[in-house]
Amino acid sequence: MFTVQKALPLLNDGASVILNSSVRADDGVEAFGTYATSNAALRS
């Protein structure tokens, strides 16, 4: 999110931002809580 916020002023009108996610959001592993949360947000 922070990277996209910083990049937005540098993009031309009509530019696209493509965000990738992984299946780690579905694992439910406690150690990956923040990572899973950000991936789940992208999927939403």
PDB file of N, CA and C in Angstrom:
ATOM      1  N   MET A   1       0.824  -1.173   0.000  1.00  0.00           N
ATOM      2  CA  MET A   1       0.000   0.000   0.000  1.00  0.00           C
ATOM      3  C   MET A   1       0.880   1.252   0.000  1.00  0.00           C
ATOM      4  N   PHE A   2       1.903   1.268   0.842  1.00  0.00           N
ATOM      5  CA  PHE A   2       2.759   2.453   0.909  1.00  0.00           C
ATOM      6  C   PHE A   2       3.535   2.655  -0.389  1.00  0.00           C
ATOM      7  N   THR A   3       3.943   1.565  -1.013  1.00  0.00           N
ATOM      8  CA  THR A   3       4.661   1.662  -2.283  1.00  0.00           C
ATOM      9  C   THR A   3       3.763   2.256  -3.357  1.00  0.00           C
ATOM     10  N   VAL A   4       2.517   1.820  -3.397  1.00  0.00           N
ATOM     11  CA  VAL A   4       1.572   2.347  -4.386  1.00  0.00           C
ATOM     12  C   VAL A   4       1.310   3.824  -4.118  1.00  0.00           C
ATOM     13  N   GLN A   5       1.160   4.204  -2.869  1.00  0.00           N
ATOM     14  CA  GLN A   5       0.927   5.609  -2.540  1.00  0.00           C
ATOM     15  C   GLN A   5       2.079   6.486  -3.015  1.00  0.00           C
ATOM     16  N   LYS A   6       3.297   6.022  -2.837  1.00  0.00           N
ATOM     17  CA  LYS A   6       4.464   6.807  -3.261  1.00  0.00           C
ATOM     18  C   LYS A   6       4.584   6.852  -4.779  1.00  0.00           C
ATOM     19  N   ALA A   7       4.155   5.788  -5.454  1.00  0.00           N
ATOM     20  CA  ALA A   7       4.297   5.713  -6.908  1.00  0.00           C
ATOM     21  C   ALA A   7       3.215   6.485  -7.655  1.00  0.00           C
ATOM     22  N   LEU A   8       2.065   6.681  -7.066  1.00  0.00           N
ATOM     23  CA  LEU A   8       0.949   7.314  -7.770  1.00  0.00           C
ATOM     24  C   LEU A   8       1.290   8.653  -8.411  1.00  0.00           C
ATOM     25  N   PRO A   9       1.999   9.538  -7.724  1.00  0.00           N
ATOM     26  CA  PRO A   9       2.323  10.819  -8.368  1.00  0.00           C
ATOM     27  C   PRO A   9       3.239  10.666  -9.588  1.00  0.00           C
ATOM     28  N   LEU A  10       3.922   9.563  -9.700  1.00  0.00           N
ATOM     29  CA  LEU A  10       4.857   9.350 -10.808  1.00  0.00           C
ATOM     30  C   LEU A  10       4.206   8.721 -12.029  1.00  0.00           C
ATOM     31  N   LEU A  11       2.985   8.230 -11.878  1.00  0.00           N
ATOM     32  CA  LEU A  11       2.305   7.537 -12.967  1.00  0.00           C
ATOM     33  C   LEU A  11       1.597   8.526 -13.892  1.00  0.00           C
ATOM     34  N   ASN A  12       1.566   8.186 -15.175  1.00  0.00           N
ATOM     35  CA  ASN A  12       0.847   8.995 -16.156  1.00  0.00           C
ATOM     36  C   ASN A  12      -0.654   8.787 -16.010  1.00  0.00           C
ATOM     37  N   ASP A  13      -1.438   9.716 -16.539  1.00  0.00           N
ATOM     38  CA  ASP A  13      -2.886   9.562 -16.557  1.00  0.00           C
ATOM     39  C   ASP A  13      -3.251   8.289 -17.310  1.00  0.00           C
ATOM     40  N   GLY A  14      -4.168   7.522 -16.777  1.00  0.00           N
ATOM     41  CA  GLY A  14      -4.599   6.284 -17.405  1.00  0.00           C
ATOM     42  C   GLY A  14      -3.708   5.091 -17.114  1.00  0.00           C
ATOM     43  N   ALA A  15      -2.664   5.285 -16.303  1.00  0.00           N
ATOM     44  CA  ALA A  15      -1.764   4.176 -15.962  1.00  0.00           C
ATOM     45  C   ALA A  15      -2.491   3.173 -15.071  1.00  0.00           C
ATOM     46  N   SER A  16      -1.993   1.954 -15.060  1.00  0.00           N
ATOM     47  CA  SER A  16      -2.569   0.893 -14.234  1.00  0.00           C
ATOM     48  C   SER A  16      -1.561   0.412 -13.214  1.00  0.00           C
ATOM     49  N   VAL A  17      -2.076  -0.032 -12.083  1.00  0.00           N
ATOM     50  CA  VAL A  17      -1.255  -0.660 -11.050  1.00  0.00           C
ATOM     51  C   VAL A  17      -1.788  -2.072 -10.874  1.00  0.00           C
ATOM     52  N   ILE A  18      -0.924  -3.055 -11.014  1.00  0.00           N
ATOM     53  CA  ILE A  18      -1.316  -4.454 -10.863  1.00  0.00           C
ATOM     54  C   ILE A  18      -0.657  -4.999  -9.610  1.00  0.00           C
ATOM     55  N   LEU A  19      -1.471  -5.467  -8.682  1.00  0.00           N
ATOM     56  CA  LEU A  19      -0.970  -6.010  -7.414  1.00  0.00           C
ATOM     57  C   LEU A  19      -1.126  -7.524  -7.418  1.00  0.00           C
ATOM     58  N   ASN A  20      -0.087  -8.205  -6.987  1.00  0.00           N
ATOM     59  CA  ASN A  20      -0.106  -9.670  -6.937  1.00  0.00           C
ATOM     60  C   ASN A  20      -0.237 -10.141  -5.497  1.00  0.00           C
ATOM     61  N   SER A  21      -0.812 -11.287  -5.345  1.00  0.00           N
ATOM     62  CA  SER A  21      -1.020 -11.892  -4.039  1.00  0.00           C
ATOM     63  C   SER A  21      -0.601 -13.355  -4.123  1.00  0.00           C
ATOM     64  N   SER A  22      -0.649 -14.037  -2.998  1.00  0.00           N
ATOM     65  CA  SER A  22      -0.322 -15.464  -3.004  1.00  0.00           C
ATOM     66  C   SER A  22      -1.386 -16.233  -2.223  1.00  0.00           C
ATOM     67  N   VAL A  23      -1.255 -17.533  -2.206  1.00  0.00           N
ATOM     68  CA  VAL A  23      -2.209 -18.383  -1.491  1.00  0.00           C
ATOM     69  C   VAL A  23      -1.933 -18.407   0.008  1.00  0.00           C
ATOM     70  N   ARG A  24      -0.914 -17.745   0.469  1.00  0.00           N
ATOM     71  CA  ARG A  24      -0.547 -17.748   1.887  1.00  0.00           C
ATOM     72  C   ARG A  24      -1.692 -17.206   2.763  1.00  0.00           C
ATOM     73  N   ALA A  25      -2.580 -16.412   2.200  1.00  0.00           N
ATOM     74  CA  ALA A  25      -3.703 -15.860   2.959  1.00  0.00           C
ATOM     75  C   ALA A  25      -4.673 -16.938   3.408  1.00  0.00           C
ATOM     76  N   ASP A  26      -4.667 -18.080   2.731  1.00  0.00           N
ATOM     77  CA  ASP A  26      -5.605 -19.159   3.047  1.00  0.00           C
ATOM     78  C   ASP A  26      -5.058 -20.173   4.042  1.00  0.00           C
ATOM     79  N   ASP A  27      -3.774 -20.097   4.377  1.00  0.00           N
ATOM     80  CA  ASP A  27      -3.145 -21.112   5.225  1.00  0.00           C
ATOM     81  C   ASP A  27      -3.543 -21.038   6.699  1.00  0.00           C
ATOM     82  N   GLY A  28      -3.765 -19.833   7.208  1.00  0.00           N
ATOM     83  CA  GLY A  28      -4.101 -19.689   8.618  1.00  0.00           C
ATOM     84  C   GLY A  28      -2.922 -19.915   9.551  1.00  0.00           C
ATOM     85  N   VAL A  29      -1.705 -19.708   9.080  1.00  0.00           N
ATOM     86  CA  VAL A  29      -0.506 -19.876   9.898  1.00  0.00           C
ATOM     87  C   VAL A  29      -0.282 -18.592  10.697  1.00  0.00           C
ATOM     88  N   GLU A  30      -0.208 -18.704  12.010  1.00  0.00           N
ATOM     89  CA  GLU A  30      -0.098 -17.541  12.880  1.00  0.00           C
ATOM     90  C   GLU A  30       1.124 -16.681  12.562  1.00  0.00           C
ATOM     91  N   ALA A  31       2.221 -17.299  12.212  1.00  0.00           N
ATOM     92  CA  ALA A  31       3.457 -16.560  11.934  1.00  0.00           C
ATOM     93  C   ALA A  31       3.334 -15.648  10.715  1.00  0.00           C
ATOM     94  N   PHE A  32       2.361 -15.899   9.854  1.00  0.00           N
ATOM     95  CA  PHE A  32       2.187 -15.104   8.643  1.00  0.00           C
ATOM     96  C   PHE A  32       0.970 -14.187   8.748  1.00  0.00           C
ATOM     97  N   GLY A  33       0.615 -13.773   9.950  1.00  0.00           N
ATOM     98  CA  GLY A  33      -0.604 -12.989  10.163  1.00  0.00           C
ATOM     99  C   GLY A  33      -0.681 -11.719   9.344  1.00  0.00           C
ATOM    100  N   THR A  34       0.327 -10.861   9.432  1.00  0.00           N
ATOM    101  CA  THR A  34       0.305  -9.597   8.699  1.00  0.00           C
ATOM    102  C   THR A  34       0.371  -9.834   7.202  1.00  0.00           C
ATOM    103  N   TYR A  35       1.198 -10.766   6.805  1.00  0.00           N
ATOM    104  CA  TYR A  35       1.328 -11.101   5.381  1.00  0.00           C
ATOM    105  C   TYR A  35       0.002 -11.639   4.844  1.00  0.00           C
ATOM    106  N   ALA A  36      -0.632 -12.531   5.598  1.00  0.00           N
ATOM    107  CA  ALA A  36      -1.909 -13.090   5.178  1.00  0.00           C
ATOM    108  C   ALA A  36      -2.983 -12.023   5.106  1.00  0.00           C
ATOM    109  N   THR A  37      -2.962 -11.092   6.044  1.00  0.00           N
ATOM    110  CA  THR A  37      -3.953 -10.017   6.054  1.00  0.00           C
ATOM    111  C   THR A  37      -3.831  -9.146   4.810  1.00  0.00           C
ATOM    112  N   SER A  38      -2.612  -8.785   4.448  1.00  0.00           N
ATOM    113  CA  SER A  38      -2.431  -7.937   3.261  1.00  0.00           C
ATOM    114  C   SER A  38      -2.826  -8.678   1.994  1.00  0.00           C
ATOM    115  N   ASN A  39      -2.544  -9.968   1.911  1.00  0.00           N
ATOM    116  CA  ASN A  39      -2.948 -10.741   0.736  1.00  0.00           C
ATOM    117  C   ASN A  39      -4.467 -10.893   0.678  1.00  0.00           C
ATOM    118  N   ALA A  40      -5.092 -11.084   1.818  1.00  0.00           N
ATOM    119  CA  ALA A  40      -6.560 -11.194   1.845  1.00  0.00           C
ATOM    120  C   ALA A  40      -7.198  -9.872   1.416  1.00  0.00           C
ATOM    121  N   ALA A  41      -6.590  -8.765   1.800  1.00  0.00           N
ATOM    122  CA  ALA A  41      -7.117  -7.451   1.389  1.00  0.00           C
ATOM    123  C   ALA A  41      -7.024  -7.289  -0.120  1.00  0.00           C
ATOM    124  N   LEU A  42      -5.947  -7.752  -0.714  1.00  0.00           N
ATOM    125  CA  LEU A  42      -5.813  -7.663  -2.175  1.00  0.00           C
ATOM    126  C   LEU A  42      -6.880  -8.509  -2.864  1.00  0.00           C
ATOM    127  N   ARG A  43      -7.158  -9.670  -2.313  1.00  0.00           N
ATOM    128  CA  ARG A  43      -8.150 -10.556  -2.917  1.00  0.00           C
ATOM    129  C   ARG A  43      -9.561 -10.001  -2.792  1.00  0.00           C
ATOM    130  N   SER A  44      -9.773  -9.177  -1.779  1.00  0.00           N
ATOM    131  CA  SER A  44     -11.102  -8.604  -1.576  1.00  0.00           C
ATOM    132  C   SER A  44     -11.328  -7.486  -2.562  1.00  0.00           C
TER     133      SER A  44
END
